[in-house]
């Protein structure tokens, strides 16, 4: 095993960065083919399991079935984004100084598996019975899951930044997204159609399947090959992590704009639990439609990965981000239009979830853009900061759910659409990193 080598960060020492760049490129050139396949397989298996806990369809529908209210349904995206923001922020330093990032990937994925296997056991015991404590227990386990998921997302993106060349990350998005969505669609169509019924479903089997897939993903993660890092950073208090994030925002104007774009995009996630509710309430659609919606959403992810991946490698992530944000601002407007069109629209309401499939592509594009605007040592901090900013609007998710009941779907959906539209306009002011720093292909001797 080779000894750890200290890797310089261009933002801290440009002279040392130039000398270390060749070593980083050599590492990528040597290990990228293997790691590309491993990380793609990890994403494929993870995506297959993820379809059985889709937070825009399956999880809010389960909460509705066990007696959860609209405001509690509105907590689901909040818990999702808290998990994707605060835990990664607190873990960023620890991840930076870890020699082998794959260790964190394996442990986080195993923890995600354990939570869903526990949920499967719980529903296996209680069946389709409802209890007063069940919604709170369900939401608590959901929150625990996203603590580990948020850290997992940070680790995955950091490994992409360490092991995959910038001009190949779109290709990874394409392969993982396209094949992963295809396997997810196949499993969802044959299994969810069997396990979902008009009045309930076999939630133990649904969550058990997801847990098993996450467990297999953890085994796949063991195959990642990486050279050890030797980054150094003094230990800090929890408050210091947030001060460092503020410093990053203060010092990098372009990154400030990116975090504002991410925050405006984050408002779209407030609506995720309510799309299925809007269809079921306004168009009288049953729980049996969930399988079709899950299939369409993942088909959308595959389609947009097929377009966005090559486009990102060719034209840059900023270009893909602009297209994706425009599609995201159309989601709530399309949902309202179909829901108010009458029963004739019931057969085409699934088109809403085709656009919802843009969301994971947009998140991945934001992360890939972030990887290009900072040095490797800063990847965990920048990624966790943009994740935190993306999560800020989600603190208002319970309020959005309450307003849906108090006022109407229309008021909340139109407001969110306007916020995402503003993010799309702001994205035109982002810099293109490849115009400022040309990312070399593996094996190139050009400085980064």
Protein backbone atom coordinates (compact mmCIF):
# COMPACT_ATOMS: atom_id res chain seq x y z
CA UNK A 1 0.00 0.00 0.00
CA UNK A 2 1.41 3.38 -0.92
CA UNK A 3 2.02 5.93 1.79
CA UNK A 4 -0.25 8.97 2.06
CA UNK A 5 0.87 12.02 0.20
CA UNK A 6 -0.09 15.56 1.02
CA UNK A 7 -2.15 17.13 -1.75
CA UNK A 8 -2.03 20.87 -2.01
CA UNK A 9 -5.07 23.04 -2.58
CA UNK A 10 -4.85 25.68 -5.33
CA UNK A 11 -6.90 28.11 -3.27
CA UNK A 12 -4.37 27.96 -0.47
CA UNK A 13 -1.04 27.55 -2.31
CA UNK A 14 -1.07 27.85 -6.12
CA UNK A 15 2.63 27.02 -6.47
CA UNK A 16 2.35 23.75 -4.60
CA UNK A 17 -0.88 23.00 -6.45
CA UNK A 18 0.89 23.03 -9.80
CA UNK A 19 3.39 20.44 -8.60
CA UNK A 20 0.73 18.19 -7.10
CA UNK A 21 -1.62 18.42 -10.09
CA UNK A 22 0.38 15.93 -12.13
CA UNK A 23 0.17 13.40 -9.30
CA UNK A 24 -3.59 13.82 -9.08
CA UNK A 25 -3.99 13.39 -12.83
CA UNK A 26 -1.81 10.27 -12.75
CA UNK A 27 -3.99 8.79 -9.99
CA UNK A 28 -7.15 9.49 -11.98
CA UNK A 29 -5.66 8.06 -15.17
CA UNK A 30 -4.63 4.87 -13.38
CA UNK A 31 -7.77 4.14 -11.39
CA UNK A 32 -10.58 5.96 -13.22
CA UNK A 33 -11.73 3.07 -15.48
CA UNK A 34 -12.24 0.79 -12.47
CA UNK A 35 -13.72 3.50 -10.24
CA UNK A 36 -16.02 4.72 -13.01
CA UNK A 37 -17.57 1.25 -13.24
CA UNK A 38 -17.76 0.82 -9.46
CA UNK A 39 -19.33 4.25 -8.83
CA UNK A 40 -21.75 3.72 -11.72
CA UNK A 41 -22.78 0.32 -10.33
CA UNK A 42 -23.15 1.85 -6.87
CA UNK A 43 -25.45 4.51 -8.30
CA UNK A 44 -27.45 1.95 -10.27
CA UNK A 45 -28.15 -0.31 -7.29
CA UNK A 46 -28.83 2.69 -5.03
CA UNK A 47 -31.24 4.15 -7.57
CA UNK A 48 -33.07 0.82 -7.85
CA UNK A 49 -33.66 0.75 -4.10
CA UNK A 50 -34.44 4.45 -3.94
CA UNK A 51 -37.45 4.10 -6.22
CA UNK A 52 -39.23 2.18 -3.42
CA UNK A 53 -38.97 5.17 -1.09
CA UNK A 54 -39.55 8.01 -3.54
CA UNK A 55 -40.17 11.07 -1.37
CA UNK A 56 -42.44 12.70 -3.95
CA UNK A 57 -44.75 9.66 -4.18
CA UNK A 58 -44.27 6.62 -1.95
CA UNK A 59 -43.30 8.15 1.41
CA UNK A 60 -46.03 10.86 1.57
CA UNK A 61 -48.61 8.34 0.40
CA UNK A 62 -47.59 5.94 3.18
CA UNK A 63 -47.81 8.78 5.70
CA UNK A 64 -51.30 9.64 4.44
CA UNK A 65 -52.34 5.98 4.78
CA UNK A 66 -51.22 5.79 8.42
CA UNK A 67 -53.03 8.98 9.45
CA UNK A 68 -50.51 11.79 8.87
CA UNK A 69 -51.83 15.33 8.35
CA UNK A 70 -50.92 17.81 5.58
CA UNK A 71 -48.52 19.78 7.78
CA UNK A 72 -46.80 16.54 8.81
CA UNK A 73 -46.59 15.58 5.15
CA UNK A 74 -44.96 18.97 4.62
CA UNK A 75 -42.26 18.00 7.12
CA UNK A 76 -40.92 15.26 4.84
CA UNK A 77 -38.97 17.53 2.45
CA UNK A 78 -37.79 19.56 5.44
CA UNK A 79 -36.32 16.48 7.10
CA UNK A 80 -34.84 15.46 3.76
CA UNK A 81 -33.01 18.75 3.31
CA UNK A 82 -31.97 19.08 6.96
CA UNK A 83 -30.32 15.71 6.54
CA UNK A 84 -28.64 16.93 3.35
CA UNK A 85 -27.36 20.14 4.94
CA UNK A 86 -26.50 20.20 8.66
CA UNK A 87 -24.96 16.69 9.07
CA UNK A 88 -22.76 17.15 5.95
CA UNK A 89 -21.70 20.57 7.22
CA UNK A 90 -20.62 19.07 10.55
CA UNK A 91 -18.96 16.09 8.87
CA UNK A 92 -17.08 18.04 6.16
CA UNK A 93 -13.84 18.43 8.15
CA UNK A 94 -13.87 14.79 9.23
CA UNK A 95 -14.34 13.68 5.63
CA UNK A 96 -11.57 15.99 4.41
CA UNK A 97 -8.96 14.48 6.76
CA UNK A 98 -10.06 10.86 6.24
CA UNK A 99 -7.35 9.07 4.19
CA UNK A 100 -9.90 6.75 2.54
CA UNK A 101 -13.27 8.31 1.71
CA UNK A 102 -14.73 4.94 0.69
CA UNK A 103 -14.85 3.93 4.38
CA UNK A 104 -17.37 6.68 5.05
CA UNK A 105 -19.33 5.64 1.96
CA UNK A 106 -19.63 2.03 3.12
CA UNK A 107 -20.63 2.95 6.68
CA UNK A 108 -23.24 5.53 5.63
CA UNK A 109 -24.81 3.18 3.10
CA UNK A 110 -24.98 0.37 5.67
CA UNK A 111 -26.72 2.74 8.10
CA UNK A 112 -29.24 3.69 5.41
CA UNK A 113 -29.91 0.00 4.83
CA UNK A 114 -30.38 -0.64 8.55
CA UNK A 115 -33.03 2.08 8.87
CA UNK A 116 -35.14 0.73 6.02
CA UNK A 117 -34.83 -2.85 7.17
CA UNK A 118 -36.05 -1.67 10.59
CA UNK A 119 -39.03 0.04 8.96
CA UNK A 120 -39.76 -3.18 7.06
CA UNK A 121 -39.76 -5.12 10.32
CA UNK A 122 -42.08 -2.58 11.95
CA UNK A 123 -44.67 -2.79 9.17
CA UNK A 124 -44.31 -6.56 9.03
CA UNK A 125 -45.39 -6.69 12.67
CA UNK A 126 -48.25 -4.17 12.56
CA UNK A 127 -49.48 -4.86 9.01
CA UNK A 128 -51.91 -2.18 7.77
CA UNK A 129 -53.14 -1.28 11.23
CA UNK A 130 -53.01 2.37 12.30
CA UNK A 131 -51.88 3.61 15.70
CA UNK A 132 -51.66 7.12 17.13
CA UNK A 133 -47.89 6.81 17.58
CA UNK A 134 -47.22 5.44 14.10
CA UNK A 135 -46.95 8.74 12.14
CA UNK A 136 -44.43 10.11 14.67
CA UNK A 137 -42.39 6.89 14.60
CA UNK A 138 -42.45 6.83 10.81
CA UNK A 139 -41.29 10.46 10.53
CA UNK A 140 -38.58 9.85 13.17
CA UNK A 141 -37.13 6.92 11.22
CA UNK A 142 -37.38 8.96 8.02
CA UNK A 143 -35.38 11.75 9.69
CA UNK A 144 -32.73 9.30 10.88
CA UNK A 145 -32.41 7.89 7.39
CA UNK A 146 -31.71 11.31 5.92
CA UNK A 147 -29.02 12.12 8.45
CA UNK A 148 -27.02 9.25 6.95
CA UNK A 149 -28.22 10.00 3.41
CA UNK A 150 -27.00 13.59 3.60
CA UNK A 151 -23.52 12.52 4.68
CA UNK A 152 -23.60 9.79 2.03
CA UNK A 153 -24.35 12.34 -0.68
CA UNK A 154 -21.40 14.47 0.46
CA UNK A 155 -19.09 11.45 0.37
CA UNK A 156 -20.25 10.34 -3.10
CA UNK A 157 -19.72 13.80 -4.59
CA UNK A 158 -16.31 14.11 -2.91
CA UNK A 159 -15.25 10.75 -4.36
CA UNK A 160 -16.41 11.88 -7.79
CA UNK A 161 -14.24 14.97 -7.40
CA UNK A 162 -11.26 12.90 -6.28
CA UNK A 163 -11.48 9.95 -8.69
CA UNK A 164 -13.30 11.09 -11.85
CA UNK A 165 -11.99 13.69 -14.30
CA UNK A 166 -14.22 16.80 -14.66
CA UNK A 167 -14.99 16.05 -18.30
CA UNK A 168 -16.11 12.50 -17.44
CA UNK A 169 -18.53 13.30 -14.59
CA UNK A 170 -21.38 13.96 -17.00
CA UNK A 171 -20.74 10.55 -18.52
CA UNK A 172 -21.00 9.03 -15.05
CA UNK A 173 -24.30 10.86 -14.54
CA UNK A 174 -25.50 9.45 -17.85
CA UNK A 175 -24.53 5.83 -17.20
CA UNK A 176 -25.67 5.72 -13.58
CA UNK A 177 -28.84 7.69 -14.23
CA UNK A 178 -29.90 5.90 -17.40
CA UNK A 179 -29.23 2.31 -16.31
CA UNK A 180 -30.24 2.98 -12.71
CA UNK A 181 -33.54 4.50 -13.75
CA UNK A 182 -34.15 1.60 -16.15
CA UNK A 183 -33.64 -1.05 -13.47
CA UNK A 184 -35.67 1.05 -11.03
CA UNK A 185 -38.53 1.36 -13.51
CA UNK A 186 -38.53 -2.38 -14.19
CA UNK A 187 -38.58 -3.30 -10.51
CA UNK A 188 -41.18 -0.67 -9.67
CA UNK A 189 -43.52 -1.76 -12.44
CA UNK A 190 -43.46 -5.45 -11.56
CA UNK A 191 -43.14 -5.20 -7.77
CA UNK A 192 -44.95 -2.01 -6.76
CA UNK A 193 -47.92 -2.98 -8.91
CA UNK A 194 -48.07 -6.20 -6.88
CA UNK A 195 -47.43 -4.68 -3.46
CA UNK A 196 -49.72 -1.61 -3.69
CA UNK A 197 -53.48 -1.86 -3.29
CA UNK A 198 -56.28 0.75 -3.33
CA UNK A 199 -56.58 0.78 0.45
CA UNK A 200 -52.96 0.18 1.49
CA UNK A 201 -50.06 -2.03 0.58
CA UNK A 202 -47.28 -4.37 1.63
CA UNK A 203 -45.08 -1.66 3.07
CA UNK A 204 -42.91 -4.26 4.75
CA UNK A 205 -41.90 -5.69 1.36
CA UNK A 206 -41.50 -2.24 -0.21
CA UNK A 207 -39.16 -0.99 2.52
CA UNK A 208 -37.42 -4.35 2.83
CA UNK A 209 -36.52 -4.33 -0.85
CA UNK A 210 -35.09 -0.81 -0.53
CA UNK A 211 -33.04 -1.85 2.51
CA UNK A 212 -31.59 -4.86 0.70
CA UNK A 213 -30.59 -2.69 -2.29
CA UNK A 214 -28.84 -0.21 0.00
CA UNK A 215 -26.99 -3.10 1.64
CA UNK A 216 -25.80 -4.36 -1.75
CA UNK A 217 -24.66 -0.81 -2.59
CA UNK A 218 -22.49 -0.83 0.54
CA UNK A 219 -20.80 -4.02 -0.66
CA UNK A 220 -20.20 -2.44 -4.09
CA UNK A 221 -18.61 0.60 -2.40
CA UNK A 222 -15.89 -1.66 -0.96
CA UNK A 223 -14.53 -2.04 -4.51
CA UNK A 224 -13.60 1.65 -4.85
CA UNK A 225 -9.84 2.02 -5.32
CA UNK A 226 -8.27 5.24 -4.03
CA UNK A 227 -4.93 6.53 -2.89
CA UNK A 228 -4.90 7.84 0.70
CA UNK A 229 -5.13 11.58 1.28
CA UNK A 230 -3.19 13.45 3.91
CA UNK A 231 -5.10 16.69 4.31
CA UNK A 232 -4.78 18.56 7.60
CA UNK A 233 -7.27 20.80 9.36
CA UNK A 234 -7.49 21.62 13.09
CA UNK A 235 -10.52 20.41 15.01
CA UNK A 236 -13.27 23.01 15.38
CA UNK A 237 -16.45 23.50 17.37
CA UNK A 238 -19.76 22.95 15.54
CA UNK A 239 -20.23 26.72 15.27
CA UNK A 240 -16.86 27.01 13.52
CA UNK A 241 -18.11 24.82 10.66
CA UNK A 242 -20.83 27.35 9.92
CA UNK A 243 -18.36 30.25 10.22
CA UNK A 244 -16.19 28.54 7.60
CA UNK A 245 -19.20 28.23 5.32
CA UNK A 246 -19.90 31.96 5.75
CA UNK A 247 -16.28 32.72 4.95
CA UNK A 248 -16.53 30.71 1.73
CA UNK A 249 -19.63 32.70 0.76
CA UNK A 250 -17.94 35.98 1.63
CA UNK A 251 -14.78 35.29 -0.37
CA UNK A 252 -16.26 33.76 -3.54
CA UNK A 253 -18.78 35.93 -5.38
CA UNK A 254 -19.59 33.36 -8.05
CA UNK A 255 -20.19 30.68 -5.41
CA UNK A 256 -22.53 33.09 -3.60
CA UNK A 257 -24.60 33.31 -6.77
CA UNK A 258 -24.58 29.53 -7.07
CA UNK A 259 -25.85 29.08 -3.51
CA UNK A 260 -28.67 31.55 -4.17
CA UNK A 261 -29.58 29.60 -7.32
CA UNK A 262 -29.51 26.41 -5.24
CA UNK A 263 -31.73 27.98 -2.56
CA UNK A 264 -34.31 29.13 -5.10
CA UNK A 265 -34.26 25.69 -6.71
CA UNK A 266 -34.68 24.19 -3.22
CA UNK A 267 -38.13 25.75 -2.92
CA UNK A 268 -39.34 23.29 -5.58
CA UNK A 269 -38.75 20.41 -3.17
CA UNK A 270 -41.38 21.81 -0.79
CA UNK A 271 -44.02 20.59 -3.23
CA UNK A 272 -42.83 17.01 -3.57
CA UNK A 273 -45.26 15.45 -1.05
CA UNK A 274 -48.15 17.46 -2.46
CA UNK A 275 -48.05 16.44 -6.11
CA UNK A 276 -49.47 13.02 -5.35
CA UNK A 277 -51.98 14.55 -2.90
CA UNK A 278 -53.13 17.05 -5.53
CA UNK A 279 -53.78 14.25 -8.01
CA UNK A 280 -55.58 12.05 -5.51
CA UNK A 281 -57.75 14.89 -4.15
CA UNK A 282 -58.61 16.86 -7.30
CA UNK A 283 -58.67 14.02 -9.84
CA UNK A 284 -59.80 11.21 -7.50
CA UNK A 285 -56.77 9.09 -8.40
CA UNK A 286 -56.16 6.02 -6.21
CA UNK A 287 -53.09 4.55 -4.56
CA UNK A 288 -52.79 2.14 -7.48
CA UNK A 289 -51.56 5.06 -9.63
CA UNK A 290 -48.42 5.35 -7.49
CA UNK A 291 -46.62 2.60 -9.38
CA UNK A 292 -47.15 4.38 -12.71
CA UNK A 293 -46.02 7.70 -11.24
CA UNK A 294 -42.87 6.13 -9.81
CA UNK A 295 -42.10 4.55 -13.19
CA UNK A 296 -42.65 7.82 -15.05
CA UNK A 297 -40.55 9.83 -12.59
CA UNK A 298 -37.60 7.47 -12.96
CA UNK A 299 -38.07 7.35 -16.71
CA UNK A 300 -37.82 11.14 -16.62
CA UNK A 301 -34.57 10.89 -14.68
CA UNK A 302 -33.20 8.48 -17.28
CA UNK A 303 -34.28 10.71 -20.16
CA UNK A 304 -32.82 13.88 -18.65
CA UNK A 305 -29.60 12.04 -17.70
CA UNK A 306 -29.31 10.89 -21.29
CA UNK A 307 -29.48 14.51 -22.42
CA UNK A 308 -27.77 16.26 -19.53
CA UNK A 309 -24.76 13.98 -19.07
CA UNK A 310 -23.18 14.38 -22.52
CA UNK A 311 -24.21 18.05 -22.63
CA UNK A 312 -22.40 18.69 -19.33
CA UNK A 313 -19.18 17.12 -20.62
CA UNK A 314 -19.46 19.01 -23.91
CA UNK A 315 -20.75 22.46 -22.88
CA UNK A 316 -20.30 22.52 -19.12
CA UNK A 317 -22.57 22.06 -16.10
CA UNK A 318 -23.80 25.66 -16.20
CA UNK A 319 -25.56 25.00 -19.50
CA UNK A 320 -27.29 21.90 -18.15
CA UNK A 321 -28.26 23.75 -14.97
CA UNK A 322 -30.05 26.47 -16.94
CA UNK A 323 -32.10 23.94 -18.92
CA UNK A 324 -32.90 21.92 -15.78
CA UNK A 325 -34.07 24.94 -13.77
CA UNK A 326 -36.40 26.03 -16.54
CA UNK A 327 -38.01 22.58 -16.51
CA UNK A 328 -38.30 22.66 -12.71
CA UNK A 329 -40.19 25.95 -12.72
CA UNK A 330 -42.77 24.36 -15.06
CA UNK A 331 -43.55 21.48 -12.65
CA UNK A 332 -46.02 23.24 -10.33
CA UNK A 333 -47.70 25.05 -13.22
CA UNK A 334 -48.25 21.82 -15.13
CA UNK A 335 -49.63 20.11 -12.01
CA UNK A 336 -52.14 22.91 -11.38
CA UNK A 337 -53.18 23.04 -15.01
CA UNK A 338 -53.93 19.33 -15.16
CA UNK A 339 -55.61 19.23 -11.73
CA UNK A 340 -57.99 22.04 -12.72
CA UNK A 341 -58.74 20.67 -16.15
CA UNK A 342 -61.17 18.11 -14.80
CA UNK A 343 -61.45 14.34 -14.92
CA UNK A 344 -60.25 14.33 -18.53
CA UNK A 345 -56.73 15.12 -17.25
CA UNK A 346 -56.60 12.11 -14.93
CA UNK A 347 -55.06 9.92 -17.61
CA UNK A 348 -52.19 12.34 -18.28
CA UNK A 349 -51.44 13.54 -14.74
CA UNK A 350 -48.39 11.27 -14.81
CA UNK A 351 -46.68 13.93 -16.97
CA UNK A 352 -46.09 15.95 -13.80
CA UNK A 353 -43.81 13.22 -12.49
CA UNK A 354 -41.90 13.13 -15.77
CA UNK A 355 -40.71 16.65 -14.91
CA UNK A 356 -40.13 15.72 -11.27
CA UNK A 357 -37.53 13.31 -12.67
CA UNK A 358 -35.43 16.42 -13.43
CA UNK A 359 -34.74 16.97 -9.73
CA UNK A 360 -31.95 14.43 -9.10
CA UNK A 361 -30.29 15.52 -12.36
CA UNK A 362 -30.42 19.15 -11.20
CA UNK A 363 -28.97 18.33 -7.78
CA UNK A 364 -26.15 16.31 -9.34
CA UNK A 365 -25.45 19.12 -11.82
CA UNK A 366 -25.21 21.67 -8.99
CA UNK A 367 -22.76 19.38 -7.19
CA UNK A 368 -20.69 18.79 -10.32
CA UNK A 369 -20.55 22.55 -10.96
CA UNK A 370 -19.38 23.03 -7.37
CA UNK A 371 -16.57 20.51 -7.85
CA UNK A 372 -15.22 22.63 -10.71
CA UNK A 373 -15.10 25.96 -8.86
CA UNK A 374 -12.81 24.90 -5.99
CA UNK A 375 -9.74 22.79 -5.30
CA UNK A 376 -9.96 19.16 -4.10
CA UNK A 377 -9.25 20.00 -0.46
CA UNK A 378 -12.23 22.36 -0.45
CA UNK A 379 -14.71 19.94 -2.04
CA UNK A 380 -16.32 18.78 1.25
CA UNK A 381 -16.73 22.36 2.52
CA UNK A 382 -18.11 23.77 -0.73
CA UNK A 383 -20.45 20.81 -1.28
CA UNK A 384 -21.80 20.95 2.27
CA UNK A 385 -22.28 24.72 2.01
CA UNK A 386 -24.26 24.54 -1.22
CA UNK A 387 -26.30 21.70 0.31
CA UNK A 388 -27.08 23.84 3.34
CA UNK A 389 -28.21 26.75 1.17
CA UNK A 390 -30.38 24.41 -0.90
CA UNK A 391 -32.04 23.30 2.34
CA UNK A 392 -32.90 26.73 3.75
CA UNK A 393 -36.28 27.06 1.95
CA UNK A 394 -37.27 23.59 3.17
CA UNK A 395 -37.56 24.92 6.72
CA UNK A 396 -40.82 26.43 5.48
CA UNK A 397 -42.16 23.10 4.19
CA UNK A 398 -44.53 22.51 7.15
CA UNK A 399 -45.84 26.05 6.60
CA UNK A 400 -46.37 25.27 2.92
CA UNK A 401 -48.30 22.13 3.86
CA UNK A 402 -50.42 24.10 6.33
CA UNK A 403 -51.14 26.78 3.69
CA UNK A 404 -52.22 24.10 1.22
CA UNK A 405 -54.96 23.11 3.68
CA UNK A 406 -55.73 26.70 4.76
CA UNK A 407 -55.75 28.50 1.41
CA UNK A 408 -55.26 26.31 -1.64
CA UNK A 409 -52.80 24.34 -3.70
CA UNK A 410 -52.78 27.19 -6.23
CA UNK A 411 -51.29 29.87 -3.98
CA UNK A 412 -48.39 27.70 -2.81
CA UNK A 413 -47.65 26.15 -6.20
CA UNK A 414 -47.60 29.49 -8.08
CA UNK A 415 -45.32 31.07 -5.47
CA UNK A 416 -42.85 28.18 -5.72
CA UNK A 417 -42.89 28.32 -9.51
CA UNK A 418 -42.00 32.02 -9.35
CA UNK A 419 -39.07 31.34 -7.00
CA UNK A 420 -37.58 28.67 -9.26
CA UNK A 421 -38.05 30.97 -12.26
CA UNK A 422 -35.99 33.61 -10.43
CA UNK A 423 -33.28 31.00 -9.87
CA UNK A 424 -33.29 30.21 -13.59
CA UNK A 425 -32.73 33.90 -14.42
CA UNK A 426 -29.89 34.16 -11.89
CA UNK A 427 -28.17 31.07 -13.37
CA UNK A 428 -27.33 33.14 -16.46
CA UNK A 429 -24.97 35.19 -14.27
CA UNK A 430 -22.91 32.19 -13.16
CA UNK A 431 -19.38 31.88 -14.52
CA UNK A 432 -18.41 28.95 -16.71
CA UNK A 433 -15.45 27.34 -14.85
CA UNK A 434 -14.05 25.85 -18.04
CA UNK A 435 -13.58 29.31 -19.47
CA UNK A 436 -11.50 30.26 -16.47
CA UNK A 437 -9.68 26.97 -15.80
CA UNK A 438 -9.51 24.30 -18.48
CA UNK A 439 -9.83 20.89 -16.83
CA UNK A 440 -7.18 18.54 -18.30
CA UNK A 441 -7.92 15.06 -19.46
CA UNK A 442 -6.27 12.29 -17.45
CA UNK A 443 -2.65 11.98 -18.41
CA UNK A 444 -2.37 15.55 -19.70
CA UNK A 445 0.59 17.60 -18.54
CA UNK A 446 -1.29 20.90 -18.60
CA UNK A 447 -1.58 22.51 -15.18
CA UNK A 448 -4.96 22.63 -13.56
